Amino acid sequence: MTDTDPDKTSARQRWMAILARASRGEIETLVGAALPAHEILKAPETGTVMVEGRAGGAGRRFNLGEATVTRCVVRLENGAMGFSYALGRDGRKARLAAILDARLQGEDADGALLAGVTLLAATQAAARDRASRKAAATKVDFFTLVRGA
């Protein structure tokens, strides 16, 4: 597999999205007690990004506002580089997510670490489903009665 292989790219995009949505505690559980030896190439730094929205979810784009984001870049001893972006100001979460990204690109990609990320994805999907069902339960259907038709 080459670095430009779409299957590898989409798998990495999936796990990075999962890690970005995970809580710091969930990421700490995946990393484990012992951090692997790593070099911090870009220390966690916080900035803002513009968040875009769409009218009705599919309409025209508009600037919704700014969000605080923390990013980090690390390199493991084996040379694998990991990147992360995390909403908020949690530098430790960003650093741990970058370490996981680097580890997932290496020998751990098919092992227990990937299974942990897959389980985390299932947990996140279940939470989204619960929230969606809860919101659907409060849905109100409006209709119009026509008089004298």
C-alpha atoms as a PDB file:
ATOM      1  CA  MET A   1       0.000   0.000   0.000  1.00  0.00           C
ATOM      2  CA  THR A   2       1.310   3.437  -0.880  1.00  0.00           C
ATOM      3  CA  ASP A   3       0.740   6.658   1.017  1.00  0.00           C
ATOM      4  CA  THR A   4      -1.690   7.799  -1.687  1.00  0.00           C
ATOM      5  CA  ASP A   5      -3.850   4.663  -1.433  1.00  0.00           C
ATOM      6  CA  PRO A   6      -7.469   5.849  -0.926  1.00  0.00           C
ATOM      7  CA  ASP A   7      -8.302   2.939   1.409  1.00  0.00           C
ATOM      8  CA  LYS A   8      -5.471   3.901   3.757  1.00  0.00           C
ATOM      9  CA  THR A   9      -6.410   7.571   3.608  1.00  0.00           C
ATOM     10  CA  SER A  10     -10.072   6.937   4.363  1.00  0.00           C
ATOM     11  CA  ALA A  11      -9.219   4.603   7.265  1.00  0.00           C
ATOM     12  CA  ARG A  12      -6.962   7.279   8.736  1.00  0.00           C
ATOM     13  CA  GLN A  13      -9.630   9.932   8.256  1.00  0.00           C
ATOM     14  CA  ARG A  14     -12.098   7.687  10.114  1.00  0.00           C
ATOM     15  CA  TRP A  15      -9.865   7.087  13.123  1.00  0.00           C
ATOM     16  CA  MET A  16      -8.827  10.748  13.314  1.00  0.00           C
ATOM     17  CA  ALA A  17     -12.514  11.772  13.332  1.00  0.00           C
ATOM     18  CA  ILE A  18     -13.227   9.224  16.067  1.00  0.00           C
ATOM     19  CA  LEU A  19     -10.319  10.499  18.160  1.00  0.00           C
ATOM     20  CA  ALA A  20     -11.410  14.123  17.641  1.00  0.00           C
ATOM     21  CA  ARG A  21     -14.888  13.318  19.004  1.00  0.00           C
ATOM     22  CA  ALA A  22     -13.589  11.214  21.914  1.00  0.00           C
ATOM     23  CA  SER A  23     -13.232  12.537  25.427  1.00  0.00           C
ATOM     24  CA  ARG A  24      -9.848  12.876  27.093  1.00  0.00           C
ATOM     25  CA  GLY A  25     -10.648   9.931  29.378  1.00  0.00           C
ATOM     26  CA  GLU A  26     -11.478   7.667  26.442  1.00  0.00           C
ATOM     27  CA  ILE A  27      -8.227   8.594  24.715  1.00  0.00           C
ATOM     28  CA  GLU A  28      -6.226   8.015  27.914  1.00  0.00           C
ATOM     29  CA  THR A  29      -7.777   4.550  28.161  1.00  0.00           C
ATOM     30  CA  LEU A  30      -6.701   3.744  24.580  1.00  0.00           C
ATOM     31  CA  VAL A  31      -3.149   4.996  25.114  1.00  0.00           C
ATOM     32  CA  GLY A  32      -2.741   3.066  28.354  1.00  0.00           C
ATOM     33  CA  ALA A  33      -0.623   3.815  31.390  1.00  0.00           C
ATOM     34  CA  ALA A  34       2.752   3.947  29.635  1.00  0.00           C
ATOM     35  CA  LEU A  35       3.229   6.567  26.948  1.00  0.00           C
ATOM     36  CA  PRO A  36       5.444   5.428  24.089  1.00  0.00           C
ATOM     37  CA  ALA A  37       8.688   7.326  23.600  1.00  0.00           C
ATOM     38  CA  HIS A  38       7.967  10.275  21.341  1.00  0.00           C
ATOM     39  CA  GLU A  39       9.266  13.649  20.278  1.00  0.00           C
ATOM     40  CA  ILE A  40       6.942  16.640  20.235  1.00  0.00           C
ATOM     41  CA  LEU A  41       7.384  18.398  16.894  1.00  0.00           C
ATOM     42  CA  LYS A  42       4.647  20.985  17.511  1.00  0.00           C
ATOM     43  CA  ALA A  43       3.656  21.405  21.120  1.00  0.00           C
ATOM     44  CA  PRO A  44      -0.084  21.622  21.738  1.00  0.00           C
ATOM     45  CA  GLU A  45      -1.184  25.074  20.681  1.00  0.00           C
ATOM     46  CA  THR A  46      -4.621  26.610  20.800  1.00  0.00           C
ATOM     47  CA  GLY A  47      -6.221  28.803  18.158  1.00  0.00           C
ATOM     48  CA  THR A  48      -9.558  29.404  16.495  1.00  0.00           C
ATOM     49  CA  VAL A  49     -11.161  28.152  13.315  1.00  0.00           C
ATOM     50  CA  MET A  50     -14.234  29.419  11.480  1.00  0.00           C
ATOM     51  CA  VAL A  51     -17.149  27.007  11.659  1.00  0.00           C
ATOM     52  CA  GLU A  52     -19.455  26.913   8.653  1.00  0.00           C
ATOM     53  CA  GLY A  53     -23.095  25.929   8.671  1.00  0.00           C
ATOM     54  CA  ARG A  54     -25.675  25.231   5.999  1.00  0.00           C
ATOM     55  CA  ALA A  55     -29.195  26.576   5.964  1.00  0.00           C
ATOM     56  CA  GLY A  56     -31.477  23.599   6.546  1.00  0.00           C
ATOM     57  CA  GLY A  57     -28.468  21.287   6.641  1.00  0.00           C
ATOM     58  CA  ALA A  58     -28.110  21.260   2.850  1.00  0.00           C
ATOM     59  CA  GLY A  59     -28.603  24.880   1.761  1.00  0.00           C
ATOM     60  CA  ARG A  60     -26.189  27.723   1.238  1.00  0.00           C
ATOM     61  CA  ARG A  61     -23.084  27.929   3.406  1.00  0.00           C
ATOM     62  CA  PHE A  62     -22.719  30.622   6.009  1.00  0.00           C
ATOM     63  CA  ASN A  63     -20.206  31.418   8.757  1.00  0.00           C
ATOM     64  CA  LEU A  64     -21.678  30.105  11.988  1.00  0.00           C
ATOM     65  CA  GLY A  65     -18.935  31.406  14.255  1.00  0.00           C
ATOM     66  CA  GLU A  66     -15.505  30.567  15.626  1.00  0.00           C
ATOM     67  CA  ALA A  67     -14.464  27.497  17.604  1.00  0.00           C
ATOM     68  CA  THR A  68     -11.413  27.014  19.795  1.00  0.00           C
ATOM     69  CA  VAL A  69      -9.158  24.180  18.569  1.00  0.00           C
ATOM     70  CA  THR A  70      -5.929  22.701  19.925  1.00  0.00           C
ATOM     71  CA  ARG A  71      -3.464  20.959  17.610  1.00  0.00           C
ATOM     72  CA  CYS A  72      -0.345  18.881  18.170  1.00  0.00           C
ATOM     73  CA  VAL A  73       2.250  16.970  16.112  1.00  0.00           C
ATOM     74  CA  VAL A  74       4.470  14.178  17.465  1.00  0.00           C
ATOM     75  CA  ARG A  75       6.980  11.668  16.084  1.00  0.00           C
ATOM     76  CA  LEU A  76       7.474   8.207  17.577  1.00  0.00           C
ATOM     77  CA  GLU A  77      10.838   6.442  17.822  1.00  0.00           C
ATOM     78  CA  ASN A  78      10.015   4.407  14.693  1.00  0.00           C
ATOM     79  CA  GLY A  79       9.612   7.657  12.687  1.00  0.00           C
ATOM     80  CA  ALA A  80       5.822   7.631  12.420  1.00  0.00           C
ATOM     81  CA  MET A  81       4.337  11.117  12.708  1.00  0.00           C
ATOM     82  CA  GLY A  82       0.991  11.735  14.356  1.00  0.00           C
ATOM     83  CA  PHE A  83      -1.256  14.772  14.045  1.00  0.00           C
ATOM     84  CA  SER A  84      -4.348  15.840  15.939  1.00  0.00           C
ATOM     85  CA  TYR A  85      -6.896  18.612  16.168  1.00  0.00           C
ATOM     86  CA  ALA A  86      -9.240  18.702  19.146  1.00  0.00           C
ATOM     87  CA  LEU A  87     -12.048  21.106  19.972  1.00  0.00           C
ATOM     88  CA  GLY A  88     -11.323  23.114  23.081  1.00  0.00           C
ATOM     89  CA  ARG A  89      -8.154  23.922  24.993  1.00  0.00           C
ATOM     90  CA  ASP A  90      -7.130  20.453  26.221  1.00  0.00           C
ATOM     91  CA  GLY A  91      -3.467  20.161  25.208  1.00  0.00           C
ATOM     92  CA  ARG A  92      -3.061  16.727  26.806  1.00  0.00           C
ATOM     93  CA  LYS A  93      -5.958  15.335  24.777  1.00  0.00           C
ATOM     94  CA  ALA A  94      -4.426  16.727  21.568  1.00  0.00           C
ATOM     95  CA  ARG A  95      -1.017  15.226  22.412  1.00  0.00           C
ATOM     96  CA  LEU A  96      -2.450  11.798  23.250  1.00  0.00           C
ATOM     97  CA  ALA A  97      -4.589  11.788  20.095  1.00  0.00           C
ATOM     98  CA  ALA A  98      -1.486  12.610  18.017  1.00  0.00           C
ATOM     99  CA  ILE A  99       0.370   9.698  19.663  1.00  0.00           C
ATOM    100  CA  LEU A 100      -2.531   7.372  18.839  1.00  0.00           C
ATOM    101  CA  ASP A 101      -2.571   8.598  15.233  1.00  0.00           C
ATOM    102  CA  ALA A 102       1.138   7.793  14.894  1.00  0.00           C
ATOM    103  CA  ARG A 103       0.718   4.363  16.532  1.00  0.00           C
ATOM    104  CA  LEU A 104      -2.245   3.479  14.314  1.00  0.00           C
ATOM    105  CA  GLN A 105      -0.145   4.156  11.213  1.00  0.00           C
ATOM    106  CA  GLY A 106       2.451   1.637  12.357  1.00  0.00           C
ATOM    107  CA  GLU A 107       2.447  -1.931  13.540  1.00  0.00           C
ATOM    108  CA  ASP A 108      -0.552  -1.441  15.839  1.00  0.00           C
ATOM    109  CA  ALA A 109      -2.870  -0.652  12.928  1.00  0.00           C
ATOM    110  CA  ASP A 110      -4.304  -4.189  12.774  1.00  0.00           C
ATOM    111  CA  GLY A 111      -4.055  -5.035  16.472  1.00  0.00           C
ATOM    112  CA  ALA A 112      -5.773  -4.334  19.723  1.00  0.00           C
ATOM    113  CA  LEU A 113      -5.412  -0.566  19.360  1.00  0.00           C
ATOM    114  CA  LEU A 114      -7.500  -0.539  16.181  1.00  0.00           C
ATOM    115  CA  ALA A 115     -10.070  -2.739  17.918  1.00  0.00           C
ATOM    116  CA  GLY A 116     -10.253  -0.187  20.733  1.00  0.00           C
ATOM    117  CA  VAL A 117     -10.830   2.629  18.253  1.00  0.00           C
ATOM    118  CA  THR A 118     -13.524   0.558  16.527  1.00  0.00           C
ATOM    119  CA  LEU A 119     -15.242  -0.006  19.867  1.00  0.00           C
ATOM    120  CA  LEU A 120     -15.045   3.717  20.579  1.00  0.00           C
ATOM    121  CA  ALA A 121     -16.653   4.415  17.185  1.00  0.00           C
ATOM    122  CA  ALA A 122     -19.511   2.061  18.046  1.00  0.00           C
ATOM    123  CA  THR A 123     -19.988   3.805  21.395  1.00  0.00           C
ATOM    124  CA  GLN A 124     -20.083   7.210  19.671  1.00  0.00           C
ATOM    125  CA  ALA A 125     -22.587   5.934  17.079  1.00  0.00           C
ATOM    126  CA  ALA A 126     -24.844   4.588  19.845  1.00  0.00           C
ATOM    127  CA  ALA A 127     -24.706   7.941  21.656  1.00  0.00           C
ATOM    128  CA  ARG A 128     -25.624   9.788  18.434  1.00  0.00           C
ATOM    129  CA  ASP A 129     -28.504   7.363  17.888  1.00  0.00           C
ATOM    130  CA  ARG A 130     -29.808   7.904  21.440  1.00  0.00           C
ATOM    131  CA  ALA A 131     -29.630  11.683  21.015  1.00  0.00           C
ATOM    132  CA  SER A 132     -31.403  11.446  17.662  1.00  0.00           C
ATOM    133  CA  ARG A 133     -34.189   9.281  19.119  1.00  0.00           C
ATOM    134  CA  LYS A 134     -34.590  11.674  22.046  1.00  0.00           C
ATOM    135  CA  ALA A 135     -34.867  14.642  19.682  1.00  0.00           C
ATOM    136  CA  ALA A 136     -37.317  12.767  17.423  1.00  0.00           C
ATOM    137  CA  ALA A 137     -39.560  12.093  20.427  1.00  0.00           C
ATOM    138  CA  THR A 138     -40.057  15.844  20.868  1.00  0.00           C
ATOM    139  CA  LYS A 139     -40.869  16.489  17.204  1.00  0.00           C
ATOM    140  CA  VAL A 140     -44.094  18.383  16.589  1.00  0.00           C
ATOM    141  CA  ASP A 141     -45.934  18.002  13.281  1.00  0.00           C
ATOM    142  CA  PHE A 142     -47.805  21.118  12.255  1.00  0.00           C
ATOM    143  CA  PHE A 143     -50.649  20.906   9.814  1.00  0.00           C
ATOM    144  CA  THR A 144     -53.237  23.303   8.475  1.00  0.00           C
ATOM    145  CA  LEU A 145     -56.957  22.723   8.512  1.00  0.00           C
ATOM    146  CA  VAL A 146     -58.870  24.206   5.622  1.00  0.00           C
ATOM    147  CA  ARG A 147     -62.310  25.550   6.521  1.00  0.00           C
ATOM    148  CA  GLY A 148     -65.201  25.588   4.138  1.00  0.00           C
ATOM    149  CA  ALA A 149     -63.428  23.862   1.323  1.00  0.00           C
END
